[in-house]
Amino acid sequence: MELTQSVDSWESLHAADDERLKDARLQLHHAAQIPASFAATVFPHVADYSHTALVWDEANRALTVNPQFESRVRPGLRMSDISLIATNEDGEIVDSFGLRGKTLDDGVRWLHDIVSQYHYDPDQMRSLEHEMPDHDIAGGEPVDAAEEELELLATWYSNANGILQEAKRSLDNASPVYCWPHHFDIATLVKIDDTGDHDDRSVGLGLSPGDTYEVQPYWYAMPWPVPDREKLPEFEPPGEWYTDGWTGAVLKSNSIVSLDRAEQHKAVAAFLAYGWEAAHKLLTE
């Protein structure tokens, strides 16, 4: 798998303070539940929960609801300034609501106002039922994420979408590139089996913006079912196998942020290609 086309759109990444980046990421994660709640309510239920998934909208630097489902309005979250947006079928912003200095409840009220304008029942809107990481804004404190870190995270997602879209085009049976509101990662799932069974073999290729395992963003290649750790082969640096809580290959942000723009892309492309091959081999041989 050669990933060369996405280098043209790749934006340079830089290092960031752990706590400031984590704080911005957590606030974005909580804010993203607002458009996801619209999708969970309005779109028909799908077994893999892709009806709740968000997609990257490059034109608006935003995560918006899944375009595979029909909707008169499409709520989303513009990451660079942590604003809720509503777009029409052409992707044009028809309304927006800046969350900075406001609460999540203020954002929910804005969403209810928007959906009622498009003849949806705001009283039917429901939150997604999954565990979320703690943050003060979940308890009613105003949103105050740092602007520089918000813009940096938007760049991470933009880069991830570009290179993962290219990977999707290169691989058979790869899913659309989705951002999942539960873990807030952006990824494509490459199916090896497709029987609908829980143990169907697959490889997830994606970017985590950071989580309970790693504060900083990291790329991953995750085989499923979980392989025998004793059989993990040597991994080509700077990637490595990760086995603390889950098993997969990772490329951590500190391995690439000191590189120039083109070298960053080259390192990520090489990791995804090697990670896919290593994970696929573990599952098929």
C-alpha atoms as a PDB file:
ATOM      1  CA  MET A   1       0.000   0.000   0.000  1.00  0.00           C
ATOM      2  CA  GLU A   2       1.600   3.246  -1.167  1.00  0.00           C
ATOM      3  CA  LEU A   3       0.193   6.444   0.281  1.00  0.00           C
ATOM      4  CA  THR A   4       1.693   9.318  -1.667  1.00  0.00           C
ATOM      5  CA  GLN A   5      -1.172  11.457  -2.948  1.00  0.00           C
ATOM      6  CA  SER A   6      -2.175  12.852   0.452  1.00  0.00           C
ATOM      7  CA  VAL A   7       1.224  14.524   0.932  1.00  0.00           C
ATOM      8  CA  ASP A   8      -0.019  17.561  -1.001  1.00  0.00           C
ATOM      9  CA  SER A   9      -2.702  18.330   1.581  1.00  0.00           C
ATOM     10  CA  TRP A  10      -0.635  17.402   4.629  1.00  0.00           C
ATOM     11  CA  GLU A  11      -0.206  20.238   7.140  1.00  0.00           C
ATOM     12  CA  SER A  12       2.809  20.491   9.403  1.00  0.00           C
ATOM     13  CA  LEU A  13       2.301  19.257  12.969  1.00  0.00           C
ATOM     14  CA  HIS A  14       4.163  20.503  16.014  1.00  0.00           C
ATOM     15  CA  ALA A  15       4.633  19.529  19.646  1.00  0.00           C
ATOM     16  CA  ALA A  16       2.188  20.740  22.285  1.00  0.00           C
ATOM     17  CA  ASP A  17       1.944  20.846  26.044  1.00  0.00           C
ATOM     18  CA  ASP A  18       0.388  17.628  27.352  1.00  0.00           C
ATOM     19  CA  GLU A  19      -2.148  19.213  29.679  1.00  0.00           C
ATOM     20  CA  ARG A  20      -3.298  21.976  27.333  1.00  0.00           C
ATOM     21  CA  LEU A  21      -3.753  19.519  24.476  1.00  0.00           C
ATOM     22  CA  LYS A  22      -5.563  17.029  26.692  1.00  0.00           C
ATOM     23  CA  ASP A  23      -7.884  19.769  27.959  1.00  0.00           C
ATOM     24  CA  ALA A  24      -8.748  20.904  24.414  1.00  0.00           C
ATOM     25  CA  ARG A  25      -9.261  17.321  23.284  1.00  0.00           C
ATOM     26  CA  LEU A  26     -11.612  16.510  26.163  1.00  0.00           C
ATOM     27  CA  GLN A  27     -13.675  19.641  25.550  1.00  0.00           C
ATOM     28  CA  LEU A  28     -13.983  18.802  21.857  1.00  0.00           C
ATOM     29  CA  HIS A  29     -14.928  15.217  22.724  1.00  0.00           C
ATOM     30  CA  HIS A  30     -17.779  16.397  24.953  1.00  0.00           C
ATOM     31  CA  ALA A  31     -18.917  19.008  22.438  1.00  0.00           C
ATOM     32  CA  ALA A  32     -19.012  16.393  19.668  1.00  0.00           C
ATOM     33  CA  GLN A  33     -21.745  14.532  21.560  1.00  0.00           C
ATOM     34  CA  ILE A  34     -24.164  17.313  20.624  1.00  0.00           C
ATOM     35  CA  PRO A  35     -24.244  16.704  16.846  1.00  0.00           C
ATOM     36  CA  ALA A  36     -23.887  12.965  17.506  1.00  0.00           C
ATOM     37  CA  SER A  37     -27.085  13.093  19.580  1.00  0.00           C
ATOM     38  CA  PHE A  38     -28.929  14.440  16.537  1.00  0.00           C
ATOM     39  CA  ALA A  39     -27.658  11.515  14.453  1.00  0.00           C
ATOM     40  CA  ALA A  40     -28.580   8.981  17.138  1.00  0.00           C
ATOM     41  CA  THR A  41     -32.122  10.359  17.220  1.00  0.00           C
ATOM     42  CA  VAL A  42     -32.913  11.126  13.585  1.00  0.00           C
ATOM     43  CA  PHE A  43     -31.042   8.491  11.585  1.00  0.00           C
ATOM     44  CA  PRO A  44     -32.213   4.867  11.411  1.00  0.00           C
ATOM     45  CA  HIS A  45     -30.330   2.534  13.720  1.00  0.00           C
ATOM     46  CA  VAL A  46     -27.497   0.518  12.158  1.00  0.00           C
ATOM     47  CA  ALA A  47     -25.974  -2.505  13.895  1.00  0.00           C
ATOM     48  CA  ASP A  48     -22.432  -1.128  13.783  1.00  0.00           C
ATOM     49  CA  TYR A  49     -23.610   2.272  15.089  1.00  0.00           C
ATOM     50  CA  SER A  50     -22.276   4.060  12.015  1.00  0.00           C
ATOM     51  CA  HIS A  51     -25.456   6.152  12.063  1.00  0.00           C
ATOM     52  CA  THR A  52     -23.933   7.955  15.064  1.00  0.00           C
ATOM     53  CA  ALA A  53     -20.488   8.370  13.481  1.00  0.00           C
ATOM     54  CA  LEU A  54     -19.165  11.760  12.418  1.00  0.00           C
ATOM     55  CA  VAL A  55     -17.169  12.521   9.285  1.00  0.00           C
ATOM     56  CA  TRP A  56     -14.511  15.116   8.576  1.00  0.00           C
ATOM     57  CA  ASP A  57     -15.717  18.071   6.505  1.00  0.00           C
ATOM     58  CA  GLU A  58     -12.521  19.641   5.174  1.00  0.00           C
ATOM     59  CA  ALA A  59     -14.205  22.727   3.732  1.00  0.00           C
ATOM     60  CA  ASN A  60     -15.532  23.706   7.153  1.00  0.00           C
ATOM     61  CA  ARG A  61     -12.759  22.125   9.277  1.00  0.00           C
ATOM     62  CA  ALA A  62     -15.520  20.329  11.117  1.00  0.00           C
ATOM     63  CA  LEU A  63     -16.871  16.971  12.174  1.00  0.00           C
ATOM     64  CA  THR A  64     -20.408  16.603  10.824  1.00  0.00           C
ATOM     65  CA  VAL A  65     -23.077  13.918  10.918  1.00  0.00           C
ATOM     66  CA  ASN A  66     -22.851  10.977   8.525  1.00  0.00           C
ATOM     67  CA  PRO A  67     -23.783  12.090   4.972  1.00  0.00           C
ATOM     68  CA  GLN A  68     -24.863   8.554   4.062  1.00  0.00           C
ATOM     69  CA  PHE A  69     -28.144   9.317   5.827  1.00  0.00           C
ATOM     70  CA  GLU A  70     -30.653  11.810   4.486  1.00  0.00           C
ATOM     71  CA  SER A  71     -31.252  14.912   6.566  1.00  0.00           C
ATOM     72  CA  ARG A  72     -32.719  18.373   6.027  1.00  0.00           C
ATOM     73  CA  VAL A  73     -29.948  19.878   8.153  1.00  0.00           C
ATOM     74  CA  ARG A  74     -26.562  18.523   9.212  1.00  0.00           C
ATOM     75  CA  PRO A  75     -25.222  19.563  12.621  1.00  0.00           C
ATOM     76  CA  GLY A  76     -21.496  19.455  13.255  1.00  0.00           C
ATOM     77  CA  LEU A  77     -18.605  20.701  15.356  1.00  0.00           C
ATOM     78  CA  ARG A  78     -16.017  23.083  13.904  1.00  0.00           C
ATOM     79  CA  MET A  79     -12.910  22.088  15.788  1.00  0.00           C
ATOM     80  CA  SER A  80     -10.643  25.075  15.243  1.00  0.00           C
ATOM     81  CA  ASP A  81     -12.841  27.393  17.343  1.00  0.00           C
ATOM     82  CA  ILE A  82     -15.082  24.798  19.095  1.00  0.00           C
ATOM     83  CA  SER A  83     -18.263  26.047  17.429  1.00  0.00           C
ATOM     84  CA  LEU A  84     -21.393  24.092  16.619  1.00  0.00           C
ATOM     85  CA  ILE A  85     -22.475  24.471  13.007  1.00  0.00           C
ATOM     86  CA  ALA A  86     -25.473  23.524  10.910  1.00  0.00           C
ATOM     87  CA  THR A  87     -24.967  22.878   7.191  1.00  0.00           C
ATOM     88  CA  ASN A  88     -27.368  22.312   4.342  1.00  0.00           C
ATOM     89  CA  GLU A  89     -27.229  19.513   1.791  1.00  0.00           C
ATOM     90  CA  ASP A  90     -24.585  21.420  -0.165  1.00  0.00           C
ATOM     91  CA  GLY A  91     -22.303  21.668   2.864  1.00  0.00           C
ATOM     92  CA  GLU A  92     -22.910  25.400   3.315  1.00  0.00           C
ATOM     93  CA  ILE A  93     -23.113  26.700   6.878  1.00  0.00           C
ATOM     94  CA  VAL A  94     -26.589  28.045   7.569  1.00  0.00           C
ATOM     95  CA  ASP A  95     -26.101  28.721  11.277  1.00  0.00           C
ATOM     96  CA  SER A  96     -23.420  28.428  13.940  1.00  0.00           C
ATOM     97  CA  PHE A  97     -22.990  28.745  17.672  1.00  0.00           C
ATOM     98  CA  GLY A  98     -19.657  29.447  19.341  1.00  0.00           C
ATOM     99  CA  LEU A  99     -19.298  27.399  22.502  1.00  0.00           C
ATOM    100  CA  ARG A 100     -16.437  29.413  23.987  1.00  0.00           C
ATOM    101  CA  GLY A 101     -17.709  31.029  27.182  1.00  0.00           C
ATOM    102  CA  LYS A 102     -20.942  29.040  26.923  1.00  0.00           C
ATOM    103  CA  THR A 103     -21.985  25.723  28.461  1.00  0.00           C
ATOM    104  CA  LEU A 104     -22.790  22.425  26.801  1.00  0.00           C
ATOM    105  CA  ASP A 105     -26.425  22.945  27.823  1.00  0.00           C
ATOM    106  CA  ASP A 106     -26.374  26.225  25.866  1.00  0.00           C
ATOM    107  CA  GLY A 107     -25.181  24.219  22.868  1.00  0.00           C
ATOM    108  CA  VAL A 108     -27.946  21.672  23.307  1.00  0.00           C
ATOM    109  CA  ARG A 109     -30.531  24.472  23.408  1.00  0.00           C
ATOM    110  CA  TRP A 110     -29.092  25.877  20.174  1.00  0.00           C
ATOM    111  CA  LEU A 111     -29.352  22.435  18.563  1.00  0.00           C
ATOM    112  CA  HIS A 112     -32.975  22.119  19.666  1.00  0.00           C
ATOM    113  CA  ASP A 113     -33.754  25.507  18.137  1.00  0.00           C
ATOM    114  CA  ILE A 114     -32.085  24.525  14.861  1.00  0.00           C
ATOM    115  CA  VAL A 115     -33.793  21.159  14.521  1.00  0.00           C
ATOM    116  CA  SER A 116     -37.201  22.662  15.242  1.00  0.00           C
ATOM    117  CA  GLN A 117     -36.649  25.088  12.346  1.00  0.00           C
ATOM    118  CA  TYR A 118     -36.221  22.047  10.090  1.00  0.00           C
ATOM    119  CA  HIS A 119     -39.333  20.335  11.467  1.00  0.00           C
ATOM    120  CA  TYR A 120     -37.681  17.803  13.741  1.00  0.00           C
ATOM    121  CA  ASP A 121     -39.007  17.391  17.272  1.00  0.00           C
ATOM    122  CA  PRO A 122     -36.387  18.710  19.720  1.00  0.00           C
ATOM    123  CA  ASP A 123     -38.067  16.847  22.578  1.00  0.00           C
ATOM    124  CA  GLN A 124     -37.054  13.599  20.881  1.00  0.00           C
ATOM    125  CA  MET A 125     -33.330  14.419  20.924  1.00  0.00           C
ATOM    126  CA  ARG A 126     -31.460  11.944  23.129  1.00  0.00           C
ATOM    127  CA  SER A 127     -27.882  11.630  24.277  1.00  0.00           C
ATOM    128  CA  LEU A 128     -25.704   8.697  23.339  1.00  0.00           C
ATOM    129  CA  GLU A 129     -25.398   6.114  26.097  1.00  0.00           C
ATOM    130  CA  HIS A 130     -21.687   5.557  26.523  1.00  0.00           C
ATOM    131  CA  GLU A 131     -19.151   6.394  29.189  1.00  0.00           C
ATOM    132  CA  MET A 132     -17.314   9.666  28.699  1.00  0.00           C
ATOM    133  CA  PRO A 133     -14.070  10.928  30.231  1.00  0.00           C
ATOM    134  CA  ASP A 134     -14.464  13.430  33.020  1.00  0.00           C
ATOM    135  CA  HIS A 135     -14.201  17.173  32.418  1.00  0.00           C
ATOM    136  CA  ASP A 136     -15.532  20.228  34.208  1.00  0.00           C
ATOM    137  CA  ILE A 137     -17.640  21.301  31.213  1.00  0.00           C
ATOM    138  CA  ALA A 138     -19.687  18.104  31.629  1.00  0.00           C
ATOM    139  CA  GLY A 139     -20.757  19.497  35.000  1.00  0.00           C
ATOM    140  CA  GLY A 140     -21.836  22.883  33.673  1.00  0.00           C
ATOM    141  CA  GLU A 141     -18.610  24.898  33.571  1.00  0.00           C
ATOM    142  CA  PRO A 142     -18.181  27.136  30.484  1.00  0.00           C
ATOM    143  CA  VAL A 143     -16.110  25.967  27.525  1.00  0.00           C
ATOM    144  CA  ASP A 144     -12.651  27.539  27.539  1.00  0.00           C
ATOM    145  CA  ALA A 145     -10.369  25.353  25.405  1.00  0.00           C
ATOM    146  CA  ALA A 146      -7.144  27.018  24.238  1.00  0.00           C
ATOM    147  CA  GLU A 147      -7.286  28.294  20.655  1.00  0.00           C
ATOM    148  CA  GLU A 148      -3.821  27.091  19.612  1.00  0.00           C
ATOM    149  CA  GLU A 149      -4.500  23.536  20.780  1.00  0.00           C
ATOM    150  CA  LEU A 150      -7.919  23.481  19.099  1.00  0.00           C
ATOM    151  CA  GLU A 151      -6.355  24.475  15.795  1.00  0.00           C
ATOM    152  CA  LEU A 152      -3.619  21.872  16.236  1.00  0.00           C
ATOM    153  CA  LEU A 153      -6.162  19.120  16.877  1.00  0.00           C
ATOM    154  CA  ALA A 154      -8.101  20.221  13.792  1.00  0.00           C
ATOM    155  CA  THR A 155      -4.876  19.801  11.824  1.00  0.00           C
ATOM    156  CA  TRP A 156      -4.361  16.301  13.207  1.00  0.00           C
ATOM    157  CA  TYR A 157      -7.881  15.320  12.103  1.00  0.00           C
ATOM    158  CA  SER A 158      -7.514  16.945   8.701  1.00  0.00           C
ATOM    159  CA  ASN A 159      -4.265  15.077   8.065  1.00  0.00           C
ATOM    160  CA  ALA A 160      -5.762  11.839   9.342  1.00  0.00           C
ATOM    161  CA  ASN A 161      -8.796  12.124   7.098  1.00  0.00           C
ATOM    162  CA  GLY A 162      -6.652  12.780   4.020  1.00  0.00           C
ATOM    163  CA  ILE A 163      -4.274   9.859   4.468  1.00  0.00           C
ATOM    164  CA  LEU A 164      -6.941   7.440   5.710  1.00  0.00           C
ATOM    165  CA  GLN A 165      -9.167   8.254   2.732  1.00  0.00           C
ATOM    166  CA  GLU A 166      -6.219   7.331   0.517  1.00  0.00           C
ATOM    167  CA  ALA A 167      -5.705   4.098   2.476  1.00  0.00           C
ATOM    168  CA  LYS A 168      -9.403   3.287   2.096  1.00  0.00           C
ATOM    169  CA  ARG A 169      -9.127   3.638  -1.679  1.00  0.00           C
ATOM    170  CA  SER A 170      -6.106   1.317  -1.674  1.00  0.00           C
ATOM    171  CA  LEU A 171      -7.614  -1.543   0.324  1.00  0.00           C
ATOM    172  CA  ASP A 172     -10.480  -3.900  -0.405  1.00  0.00           C
ATOM    173  CA  ASN A 173     -13.349  -3.993   2.093  1.00  0.00           C
ATOM    174  CA  ALA A 174     -12.306  -0.811   3.909  1.00  0.00           C
ATOM    175  CA  SER A 175     -15.092   1.125   5.607  1.00  0.00           C
ATOM    176  CA  PRO A 176     -15.711   4.854   5.225  1.00  0.00           C
ATOM    177  CA  VAL A 177     -13.454   7.013   7.380  1.00  0.00           C
ATOM    178  CA  TYR A 178     -15.436   7.776  10.505  1.00  0.00           C
ATOM    179  CA  CYS A 179     -14.875   9.640  13.752  1.00  0.00           C
ATOM    180  CA  TRP A 180     -16.510   7.619  16.504  1.00  0.00           C
ATOM    181  CA  PRO A 181     -18.153   9.765  19.207  1.00  0.00           C
ATOM    182  CA  HIS A 182     -17.413   7.222  21.948  1.00  0.00           C
ATOM    183  CA  HIS A 183     -13.604   7.129  21.722  1.00  0.00           C
ATOM    184  CA  PHE A 184     -13.229  10.184  19.436  1.00  0.00           C
ATOM    185  CA  ASP A 185     -10.749   8.418  17.156  1.00  0.00           C
ATOM    186  CA  ILE A 186     -10.925   8.710  13.361  1.00  0.00           C
ATOM    187  CA  ALA A 187     -10.411   5.482  11.452  1.00  0.00           C
ATOM    188  CA  THR A 188     -11.252   3.047   8.699  1.00  0.00           C
ATOM    189  CA  LEU A 189     -11.995  -0.598   9.448  1.00  0.00           C
ATOM    190  CA  VAL A 190     -10.669  -3.109   6.917  1.00  0.00           C
ATOM    191  CA  LYS A 191     -12.658  -6.340   7.018  1.00  0.00           C
ATOM    192  CA  ILE A 192     -11.008  -9.661   6.296  1.00  0.00           C
ATOM    193  CA  ASP A 193     -14.197 -11.589   7.117  1.00  0.00           C
ATOM    194  CA  ASP A 194     -17.728 -10.254   6.775  1.00  0.00           C
ATOM    195  CA  THR A 195     -20.063 -12.803   8.328  1.00  0.00           C
ATOM    196  CA  GLY A 196     -21.422 -10.465  10.981  1.00  0.00           C
ATOM    197  CA  ASP A 197     -19.846 -12.535  13.739  1.00  0.00           C
ATOM    198  CA  HIS A 198     -18.132 -10.799  16.671  1.00  0.00           C
ATOM    199  CA  ASP A 199     -14.886 -12.633  15.891  1.00  0.00           C
ATOM    200  CA  ASP A 200     -14.736 -11.645  12.229  1.00  0.00           C
ATOM    201  CA  ARG A 201     -11.144 -10.702  11.433  1.00  0.00           C
ATOM    202  CA  SER A 202     -10.413  -7.043  10.730  1.00  0.00           C
ATOM    203  CA  VAL A 203      -7.738  -4.376  10.990  1.00  0.00           C
ATOM    204  CA  GLY A 204      -8.491  -0.865  12.215  1.00  0.00           C
ATOM    205  CA  LEU A 205      -6.268   1.886  10.820  1.00  0.00           C
ATOM    206  CA  GLY A 206      -6.655   5.254  12.449  1.00  0.00           C
ATOM    207  CA  LEU A 207      -5.654   8.164  14.625  1.00  0.00           C
ATOM    208  CA  SER A 208      -6.430   8.608  18.294  1.00  0.00           C
ATOM    209  CA  PRO A 209      -6.173  12.239  19.443  1.00  0.00           C
ATOM    210  CA  GLY A 210      -5.090  10.882  22.818  1.00  0.00           C
ATOM    211  CA  ASP A 211      -6.929   8.829  25.415  1.00  0.00           C
ATOM    212  CA  THR A 212      -6.539   7.143  28.803  1.00  0.00           C
ATOM    213  CA  TYR A 213      -3.522   5.243  27.461  1.00  0.00           C
ATOM    214  CA  GLU A 214      -1.608   8.087  25.784  1.00  0.00           C
ATOM    215  CA  VAL A 215      -1.991  11.831  26.389  1.00  0.00           C
ATOM    216  CA  GLN A 216      -0.655  12.816  22.968  1.00  0.00           C
ATOM    217  CA  PRO A 217      -2.132  11.756  19.601  1.00  0.00           C
ATOM    218  CA  TYR A 218      -0.996   8.496  18.038  1.00  0.00           C
ATOM    219  CA  TRP A 219      -1.610   6.497  14.865  1.00  0.00           C
ATOM    220  CA  TYR A 220      -2.594   2.875  15.189  1.00  0.00           C
ATOM    221  CA  ALA A 221      -3.044  -0.393  13.318  1.00  0.00           C
ATOM    222  CA  MET A 222      -5.189  -2.723  15.424  1.00  0.00           C
ATOM    223  CA  PRO A 223      -5.825  -6.371  14.492  1.00  0.00           C
ATOM    224  CA  TRP A 224      -8.980  -8.110  15.654  1.00  0.00           C
ATOM    225  CA  PRO A 225      -9.382 -10.633  17.215  1.00  0.00           C
ATOM    226  CA  VAL A 226      -6.567  -9.813  19.622  1.00  0.00           C
ATOM    227  CA  PRO A 227      -3.463 -11.733  18.486  1.00  0.00           C
ATOM    228  CA  ASP A 228      -1.243 -13.799  20.746  1.00  0.00           C
ATOM    229  CA  ARG A 229       1.307 -11.355  22.155  1.00  0.00           C
ATOM    230  CA  GLU A 230       3.969 -14.060  21.988  1.00  0.00           C
ATOM    231  CA  LYS A 231       3.592 -14.085  18.199  1.00  0.00           C
ATOM    232  CA  LEU A 232       4.027 -10.349  17.619  1.00  0.00           C
ATOM    233  CA  PRO A 233       6.901  -9.848  15.158  1.00  0.00           C
ATOM    234  CA  GLU A 234       9.514  -7.124  15.344  1.00  0.00           C
ATOM    235  CA  PHE A 235       7.996  -3.828  14.274  1.00  0.00           C
ATOM    236  CA  GLU A 236       9.781  -1.370  12.039  1.00  0.00           C
ATOM    237  CA  PRO A 237      10.753   1.771  14.032  1.00  0.00           C
ATOM    238  CA  PRO A 238       9.579   4.365  14.869  1.00  0.00           C
ATOM    239  CA  GLY A 239       6.373   2.325  15.151  1.00  0.00           C
ATOM    240  CA  GLU A 240       6.029  -0.183  17.971  1.00  0.00           C
ATOM    241  CA  TRP A 241       3.660  -2.765  19.392  1.00  0.00           C
ATOM    242  CA  TYR A 242       1.395  -1.572  22.192  1.00  0.00           C
ATOM    243  CA  THR A 243       0.047  -4.157  24.661  1.00  0.00           C
ATOM    244  CA  ASP A 244      -1.085  -2.147  27.699  1.00  0.00           C
ATOM    245  CA  GLY A 245      -4.885  -2.509  27.741  1.00  0.00           C
ATOM    246  CA  TRP A 246      -5.181  -3.373  24.065  1.00  0.00           C
ATOM    247  CA  THR A 247      -2.928  -4.845  21.384  1.00  0.00           C
ATOM    248  CA  GLY A 248      -1.887  -3.081  18.217  1.00  0.00           C
ATOM    249  CA  ALA A 249       0.866  -1.147  16.501  1.00  0.00           C
ATOM    250  CA  VAL A 250       1.263   2.544  17.324  1.00  0.00           C
ATOM    251  CA  LEU A 251       3.186   5.529  16.020  1.00  0.00           C
ATOM    252  CA  LYS A 252       3.341   8.177  18.718  1.00  0.00           C
ATOM    253  CA  SER A 253       3.281  11.889  17.981  1.00  0.00           C
ATOM    254  CA  ASN A 254       6.696  12.494  19.546  1.00  0.00           C
ATOM    255  CA  SER A 255       8.185  10.308  16.823  1.00  0.00           C
ATOM    256  CA  ILE A 256       7.163  12.664  14.030  1.00  0.00           C
ATOM    257  CA  VAL A 257       6.475  16.219  15.238  1.00  0.00           C
ATOM    258  CA  SER A 258      10.138  17.239  14.979  1.00  0.00           C
ATOM    259  CA  LEU A 259      10.243  16.259  11.288  1.00  0.00           C
ATOM    260  CA  ASP A 260       9.472  18.606   8.413  1.00  0.00           C
ATOM    261  CA  ARG A 261       6.080  18.454   6.689  1.00  0.00           C
ATOM    262  CA  ALA A 262       6.976  15.980   3.947  1.00  0.00           C
ATOM    263  CA  GLU A 263       8.911  13.704   6.306  1.00  0.00           C
ATOM    264  CA  GLN A 264       5.984  13.638   8.734  1.00  0.00           C
ATOM    265  CA  HIS A 265       3.717  12.397   5.978  1.00  0.00           C
ATOM    266  CA  LYS A 266       6.300   9.869   4.824  1.00  0.00           C
ATOM    267  CA  ALA A 267       6.653   8.451   8.345  1.00  0.00           C
ATOM    268  CA  VAL A 268       2.890   8.110   8.843  1.00  0.00           C
ATOM    269  CA  ALA A 269       2.383   6.589   5.385  1.00  0.00           C
ATOM    270  CA  ALA A 270       5.147   4.048   6.028  1.00  0.00           C
ATOM    271  CA  PHE A 271       3.687   3.190   9.435  1.00  0.00           C
ATOM    272  CA  LEU A 272       0.163   2.634   8.096  1.00  0.00           C
ATOM    273  CA  ALA A 273       1.435   0.478   5.231  1.00  0.00           C
ATOM    274  CA  TYR A 274       3.701  -1.613   7.461  1.00  0.00           C
ATOM    275  CA  GLY A 275       1.086  -1.760  10.228  1.00  0.00           C
ATOM    276  CA  TRP A 276      -1.556  -3.025   7.821  1.00  0.00           C
ATOM    277  CA  GLU A 277       0.764  -5.715   6.468  1.00  0.00           C
ATOM    278  CA  ALA A 278       1.909  -6.846   9.921  1.00  0.00           C
ATOM    279  CA  ALA A 279      -1.622  -6.950  11.351  1.00  0.00           C
ATOM    280  CA  HIS A 280      -3.013  -8.717   8.279  1.00  0.00           C
ATOM    281  CA  LYS A 281      -0.260 -11.326   8.433  1.00  0.00           C
ATOM    282  CA  LEU A 282      -0.930 -11.985  12.113  1.00  0.00           C
ATOM    283  CA  LEU A 283      -4.579 -12.684  11.345  1.00  0.00           C
ATOM    284  CA  THR A 284      -4.149 -14.757   8.195  1.00  0.00           C
ATOM    285  CA  GLU A 285      -1.045 -16.886   8.683  1.00  0.00           C
END
